[in-house]
N, C-alpha and C. Protein backbone atom coordinates (compact mmCIF):
# COMPACT_ATOMS: atom_id res chain seq x y z
N MET A 1 7.04 -44.80 64.98
CA MET A 1 6.94 -45.36 65.74
C MET A 1 5.99 -46.61 65.57
N GLY A 2 6.39 -47.73 65.86
CA GLY A 2 5.77 -49.47 65.91
C GLY A 2 4.49 -49.25 66.68
N THR A 3 3.70 -50.17 65.88
CA THR A 3 1.91 -49.77 66.57
C THR A 3 2.14 -51.56 66.28
N ASP A 4 2.57 -52.47 66.81
CA ASP A 4 2.67 -54.13 67.11
C ASP A 4 2.36 -54.70 67.80
N GLN A 5 2.24 -53.61 69.09
CA GLN A 5 1.27 -53.86 69.98
C GLN A 5 0.04 -53.50 70.31
N TYR A 6 -0.99 -52.96 68.94
CA TYR A 6 -1.94 -52.75 69.13
C TYR A 6 -2.84 -53.62 67.78
N HIS A 7 -3.90 -54.05 68.33
CA HIS A 7 -5.00 -55.11 67.79
C HIS A 7 -6.16 -53.93 67.03
N GLU A 8 -6.56 -52.91 67.07
CA GLU A 8 -7.17 -52.35 66.40
C GLU A 8 -6.27 -51.49 66.42
N PRO A 9 -7.10 -50.24 64.95
CA PRO A 9 -6.47 -49.42 64.63
C PRO A 9 -5.86 -48.16 65.93
N PRO A 10 -4.61 -47.91 65.14
CA PRO A 10 -4.05 -46.51 66.87
C PRO A 10 -4.75 -45.83 66.88
N SER A 11 -5.11 -45.03 65.17
CA SER A 11 -5.77 -43.79 64.64
C SER A 11 -6.77 -43.71 65.24
N GLU A 12 -7.69 -45.19 65.55
CA GLU A 12 -9.01 -45.36 66.67
C GLU A 12 -9.04 -45.67 68.06
N LEU A 13 -7.67 -45.25 68.29
CA LEU A 13 -7.84 -45.51 70.11
C LEU A 13 -8.07 -44.20 70.53
N SER A 14 -8.43 -44.57 71.97
CA SER A 14 -8.03 -42.45 72.52
C SER A 14 -6.63 -42.85 73.37
N ALA A 15 -5.87 -41.79 72.87
CA ALA A 15 -4.08 -41.81 73.94
C ALA A 15 -4.12 -42.71 75.46
N GLU A 16 -4.83 -42.50 76.48
CA GLU A 16 -5.06 -43.18 76.99
C GLU A 16 -5.07 -44.28 76.82
N THR A 17 -5.94 -44.60 76.19
CA THR A 17 -5.83 -46.56 75.32
C THR A 17 -3.82 -47.18 75.43
N ARG A 18 -4.19 -45.84 74.34
CA ARG A 18 -2.30 -45.95 73.71
C ARG A 18 -1.58 -46.28 74.36
N THR A 19 -1.82 -45.41 75.27
CA THR A 19 -0.61 -45.98 76.16
C THR A 19 -1.16 -46.91 77.25
N PHE A 20 -1.56 -46.85 77.85
CA PHE A 20 -2.10 -48.40 78.14
C PHE A 20 -1.24 -49.75 77.93
N ALA A 21 -1.91 -49.71 76.80
CA ALA A 21 -1.10 -50.85 75.64
C ALA A 21 0.10 -51.18 75.33
N ARG A 22 0.73 -49.56 75.53
CA ARG A 22 2.43 -49.11 75.78
C ARG A 22 2.70 -50.35 76.94
N MET A 23 2.29 -49.56 77.63
CA MET A 23 2.66 -50.23 79.43
C MET A 23 2.86 -51.31 79.89
N CYS A 24 2.05 -52.12 78.60
CA CYS A 24 1.22 -53.74 78.88
C CYS A 24 2.11 -54.19 78.10
N ALA A 25 2.96 -54.09 76.95
CA ALA A 25 3.58 -54.19 76.01
C ALA A 25 5.46 -54.10 77.07
N SER A 26 5.39 -53.51 77.54
CA SER A 26 6.33 -52.72 78.02
C SER A 26 6.60 -53.77 79.71
N LEU A 27 5.75 -54.08 79.99
CA LEU A 27 5.66 -54.88 80.81
C LEU A 27 5.69 -56.65 80.83
N SER A 28 5.84 -56.82 79.53
CA SER A 28 6.16 -58.16 78.39
C SER A 28 7.07 -58.03 78.60
N GLU A 29 7.77 -56.99 77.62
CA GLU A 29 9.23 -56.76 77.74
C GLU A 29 9.97 -57.05 78.84
N GLU A 30 9.88 -56.11 79.74
CA GLU A 30 10.34 -56.67 80.95
C GLU A 30 10.30 -57.86 81.97
N ALA A 31 9.25 -58.78 81.24
CA ALA A 31 9.17 -60.25 82.04
C ALA A 31 10.30 -60.85 81.52
N GLU A 32 9.47 -60.85 79.51
CA GLU A 32 10.70 -61.68 79.13
C GLU A 32 11.85 -61.73 78.98
N ALA A 33 12.63 -60.20 79.31
CA ALA A 33 14.47 -59.85 79.74
C ALA A 33 14.77 -60.67 81.38
N ILE A 34 13.76 -60.54 82.25
CA ILE A 34 13.82 -61.34 83.84
C ILE A 34 13.67 -62.74 83.14
N GLY A 35 13.43 -63.80 82.56
CA GLY A 35 13.77 -64.54 82.27
C GLY A 35 14.87 -64.79 81.56
N TRP A 36 15.13 -64.10 80.75
CA TRP A 36 16.11 -64.31 79.86
C TRP A 36 17.59 -64.57 80.90
N TYR A 37 17.65 -63.02 82.14
CA TYR A 37 18.91 -62.80 82.90
C TYR A 37 18.62 -64.49 83.62
N VAL A 38 17.86 -64.60 84.01
CA VAL A 38 17.74 -65.61 84.83
C VAL A 38 18.49 -66.38 84.92
N GLN A 39 17.95 -66.77 82.81
CA GLN A 39 18.36 -68.42 82.61
C GLN A 39 20.25 -67.39 82.56
N ARG A 40 19.73 -67.31 81.78
CA ARG A 40 21.85 -66.24 81.70
C ARG A 40 23.00 -66.67 82.97
N ILE A 41 22.24 -66.30 84.02
CA ILE A 41 23.18 -66.58 85.28
C ILE A 41 23.05 -67.58 85.53
N SER A 42 22.30 -68.50 85.60
CA SER A 42 22.14 -69.99 86.01
C SER A 42 23.00 -71.01 85.54
N VAL A 43 23.70 -70.40 84.15
CA VAL A 43 24.65 -71.39 82.94
C VAL A 43 25.74 -69.85 82.84
N GLU A 44 26.19 -68.99 83.92
CA GLU A 44 27.59 -68.56 83.59
C GLU A 44 28.52 -68.33 84.59
N PRO A 45 29.60 -68.70 84.45
CA PRO A 45 31.17 -69.69 85.09
C PRO A 45 31.23 -68.27 86.08
N ASP A 46 31.45 -66.74 84.93
CA ASP A 46 32.32 -66.08 85.83
C ASP A 46 31.62 -65.20 86.36
N ALA A 47 32.08 -64.71 87.91
CA ALA A 47 31.05 -64.84 89.05
C ALA A 47 31.27 -62.69 88.63
N ALA A 48 31.85 -62.43 88.75
CA ALA A 48 32.00 -61.18 87.64
C ALA A 48 30.84 -60.52 87.22
N SER A 49 30.64 -61.63 86.30
CA SER A 49 29.89 -61.90 84.95
C SER A 49 28.73 -61.48 85.33
N ARG A 50 28.37 -62.74 86.39
CA ARG A 50 26.90 -62.35 87.01
C ARG A 50 26.65 -61.44 87.94
N ALA A 51 27.21 -60.67 88.68
CA ALA A 51 27.45 -60.12 89.60
C ALA A 51 27.16 -58.97 88.54
N ILE A 52 27.16 -59.21 87.15
CA ILE A 52 25.98 -57.76 86.72
C ILE A 52 25.28 -57.66 86.16
N MET A 53 25.26 -59.58 85.68
CA MET A 53 23.91 -59.66 85.49
C MET A 53 22.73 -59.35 86.23
N GLN A 54 23.59 -59.88 87.49
CA GLN A 54 22.56 -60.12 89.05
C GLN A 54 21.53 -58.49 89.45
N ASP A 55 22.63 -57.14 88.77
CA ASP A 55 22.49 -56.21 89.04
C ASP A 55 21.40 -55.49 88.04
N SER A 56 21.94 -56.47 86.76
CA SER A 56 21.04 -56.17 85.34
C SER A 56 19.27 -56.43 85.62
N LEU A 57 18.99 -57.79 86.41
CA LEU A 57 18.42 -58.63 86.71
C LEU A 57 17.37 -57.86 87.81
N GLY A 58 17.44 -56.68 88.82
CA GLY A 58 17.45 -55.96 89.64
C GLY A 58 16.49 -54.47 89.18
N GLU A 59 17.33 -53.97 88.02
CA GLU A 59 16.67 -53.31 87.09
C GLU A 59 15.50 -53.68 87.02
N GLU A 60 15.55 -54.98 85.66
CA GLU A 60 14.66 -55.09 84.98
C GLU A 60 13.22 -55.69 85.97
N PHE A 61 13.54 -55.90 87.31
CA PHE A 61 12.75 -56.62 87.71
C PHE A 61 11.97 -55.13 88.34
N LYS A 62 13.00 -53.52 88.53
CA LYS A 62 12.62 -52.52 89.08
C LYS A 62 11.73 -52.67 88.33
N HIS A 63 12.02 -51.80 87.02
CA HIS A 63 10.66 -51.91 85.90
C HIS A 63 9.45 -52.34 85.74
N PHE A 64 10.13 -53.73 85.80
CA PHE A 64 8.14 -54.48 85.88
C PHE A 64 6.92 -54.01 86.76
N SER A 65 8.08 -53.81 88.38
CA SER A 65 7.28 -53.96 89.13
C SER A 65 6.78 -52.26 89.03
N MET A 66 7.32 -51.32 88.14
CA MET A 66 6.52 -49.49 88.22
C MET A 66 5.85 -50.19 87.80
N GLU A 67 5.73 -50.67 86.44
CA GLU A 67 4.62 -50.39 85.01
C GLU A 67 3.59 -51.25 85.71
N LEU A 68 4.04 -52.56 85.99
CA LEU A 68 2.43 -53.11 87.34
C LEU A 68 1.79 -52.22 87.60
N GLU A 69 2.59 -51.78 88.48
CA GLU A 69 1.64 -50.41 89.52
C GLU A 69 1.24 -49.12 88.19
N PHE A 70 1.61 -48.85 87.57
CA PHE A 70 1.00 -48.32 86.62
C PHE A 70 -0.34 -48.64 86.15
N LEU A 71 -0.34 -49.60 85.87
CA LEU A 71 -1.96 -50.30 85.47
C LEU A 71 -3.01 -50.85 86.25
N LEU A 72 -2.22 -50.83 87.33
CA LEU A 72 -2.65 -51.30 88.12
C LEU A 72 -3.93 -50.11 88.83
N ARG A 73 -3.00 -48.82 89.11
CA ARG A 73 -3.57 -47.46 89.43
C ARG A 73 -4.67 -47.48 88.65
N LYS A 74 -4.00 -47.49 87.06
CA LYS A 74 -5.65 -46.99 85.79
C LYS A 74 -6.72 -47.91 86.32
N THR A 75 -6.30 -49.46 86.94
CA THR A 75 -7.67 -50.30 86.35
C THR A 75 -8.05 -50.69 87.82
N PRO A 76 -8.75 -49.86 88.31
CA PRO A 76 -8.89 -50.31 90.02
C PRO A 76 -9.32 -51.35 89.86
N GLU A 77 -10.58 -52.45 89.51
CA GLU A 77 -11.06 -53.49 89.70
C GLU A 77 -9.18 -54.47 89.25
N TRP A 78 -8.45 -54.49 88.49
CA TRP A 78 -7.04 -55.07 88.86
C TRP A 78 -6.89 -54.62 90.18
N ARG A 79 -6.78 -53.65 90.28
CA ARG A 79 -5.67 -53.82 91.70
C ARG A 79 -6.76 -54.51 93.26
N GLU A 80 -8.09 -54.41 93.11
CA GLU A 80 -8.65 -55.13 93.87
C GLU A 80 -8.49 -56.42 93.78
N MET A 81 -8.62 -56.91 92.63
CA MET A 81 -7.88 -58.65 92.87
C MET A 81 -6.34 -58.65 93.06
N ALA A 82 -5.67 -57.70 93.15
CA ALA A 82 -4.66 -58.14 93.10
C ALA A 82 -3.77 -57.72 94.66
N ARG A 83 -4.82 -56.99 95.14
CA ARG A 83 -4.78 -57.20 96.54
C ARG A 83 -4.56 -58.56 97.53
N GLY A 84 -5.96 -59.29 97.34
CA GLY A 84 -6.19 -60.91 97.42
C GLY A 84 -4.94 -61.07 96.50
N ILE A 85 -4.72 -61.47 96.31
CA ILE A 85 -3.24 -62.28 95.80
C ILE A 85 -1.90 -62.61 95.90
N LEU A 86 -1.70 -60.75 96.03
CA LEU A 86 -0.07 -60.61 96.04
C LEU A 86 0.36 -60.06 97.79
N PHE A 87 1.63 -60.33 98.08
CA PHE A 87 1.70 -60.71 99.28
C PHE A 87 0.86 -61.12 100.11
N THR A 88 0.82 -62.28 99.66
CA THR A 88 -0.30 -63.01 100.83
C THR A 88 0.53 -64.90 101.33
N ASP A 89 0.17 -65.31 102.04
CA ASP A 89 0.82 -66.90 102.06
C ASP A 89 -0.48 -67.43 101.31
N GLY A 90 0.14 -68.54 101.47
CA GLY A 90 -1.27 -69.78 101.04
C GLY A 90 -1.43 -70.24 99.66
N ASP A 91 -2.44 -70.32 99.58
CA ASP A 91 -2.57 -71.01 98.15
C ASP A 91 -2.69 -69.91 97.13
N ILE A 92 -1.92 -69.65 96.67
CA ILE A 92 -1.92 -68.78 95.42
C ILE A 92 -3.36 -68.37 94.85
N VAL A 93 -3.69 -69.78 93.82
CA VAL A 93 -4.77 -70.40 93.39
C VAL A 93 -5.92 -69.58 94.09
N ALA A 94 -6.57 -70.36 95.59
CA ALA A 94 -7.70 -69.73 96.03
C ALA A 94 -7.76 -68.23 96.37
N HIS A 95 -6.26 -67.74 96.80
CA HIS A 95 -6.60 -66.53 96.86
C HIS A 95 -7.27 -65.47 95.41
N GLY A 96 -6.69 -67.22 94.63
CA GLY A 96 -7.29 -65.88 93.46
C GLY A 96 -8.11 -65.60 93.10
N GLU A 97 -9.05 -67.50 92.81
CA GLU A 97 -10.25 -67.08 92.64
C GLU A 97 -11.35 -66.43 93.87
N ALA A 98 -10.55 -66.33 94.99
CA ALA A 98 -12.03 -65.51 96.60
C ALA A 98 -11.16 -63.93 95.84
N SER A 99 -9.88 -63.69 95.60
CA SER A 99 -10.05 -61.83 94.27
C SER A 99 -11.00 -61.02 93.84
N GLU A 100 -10.84 -62.74 92.56
CA GLU A 100 -11.07 -62.63 91.49
C GLU A 100 -12.89 -62.39 91.77
N ALA A 101 -14.11 -63.30 92.72
CA ALA A 101 -15.14 -63.30 93.01
C ALA A 101 -15.47 -61.63 93.83
N ALA A 102 -14.95 -61.14 94.91
CA ALA A 102 -14.87 -60.77 95.53
C ALA A 102 -14.79 -58.93 94.41
N ALA A 103 -13.89 -59.46 93.89
CA ALA A 103 -14.23 -58.22 93.11
C ALA A 103 -15.03 -57.53 92.39
N THR A 104 -15.73 -58.99 91.66
CA THR A 104 -16.55 -58.48 90.70
C THR A 104 -18.04 -58.46 90.89
N ASP A 105 -18.29 -59.35 92.37
CA ASP A 105 -19.22 -58.34 93.45
C ASP A 105 -19.50 -57.37 93.60
N ASN A 106 -18.39 -56.65 93.49
CA ASN A 106 -18.20 -55.16 93.79
C ASN A 106 -18.93 -54.37 92.42
N GLU A 107 -18.78 -54.74 91.33
CA GLU A 107 -19.32 -54.08 89.86
C GLU A 107 -20.55 -54.22 89.78
């Protein structure tokens, strides 16, 4: 098993922390794959090939979303911040700043 996602000796980390690190690595990998598919789709001239890639892109986004939800469930303070940012209209940065302030005021 690879240990590249760890910045501390894996044997010193709890099982929960190792799982959390794995999910963070998986989230990053899914985001990277999403970027690759978007690039490939944008230049692919064959319609059938693009359709397959679009389907694959949807799978990557589904996995990204599930991993993000897992991480948010494990970190209530992140979830609280995300609630103020995700699925909102308006200025994303302003929502982020307000959400962070609200979440850290509760600590």
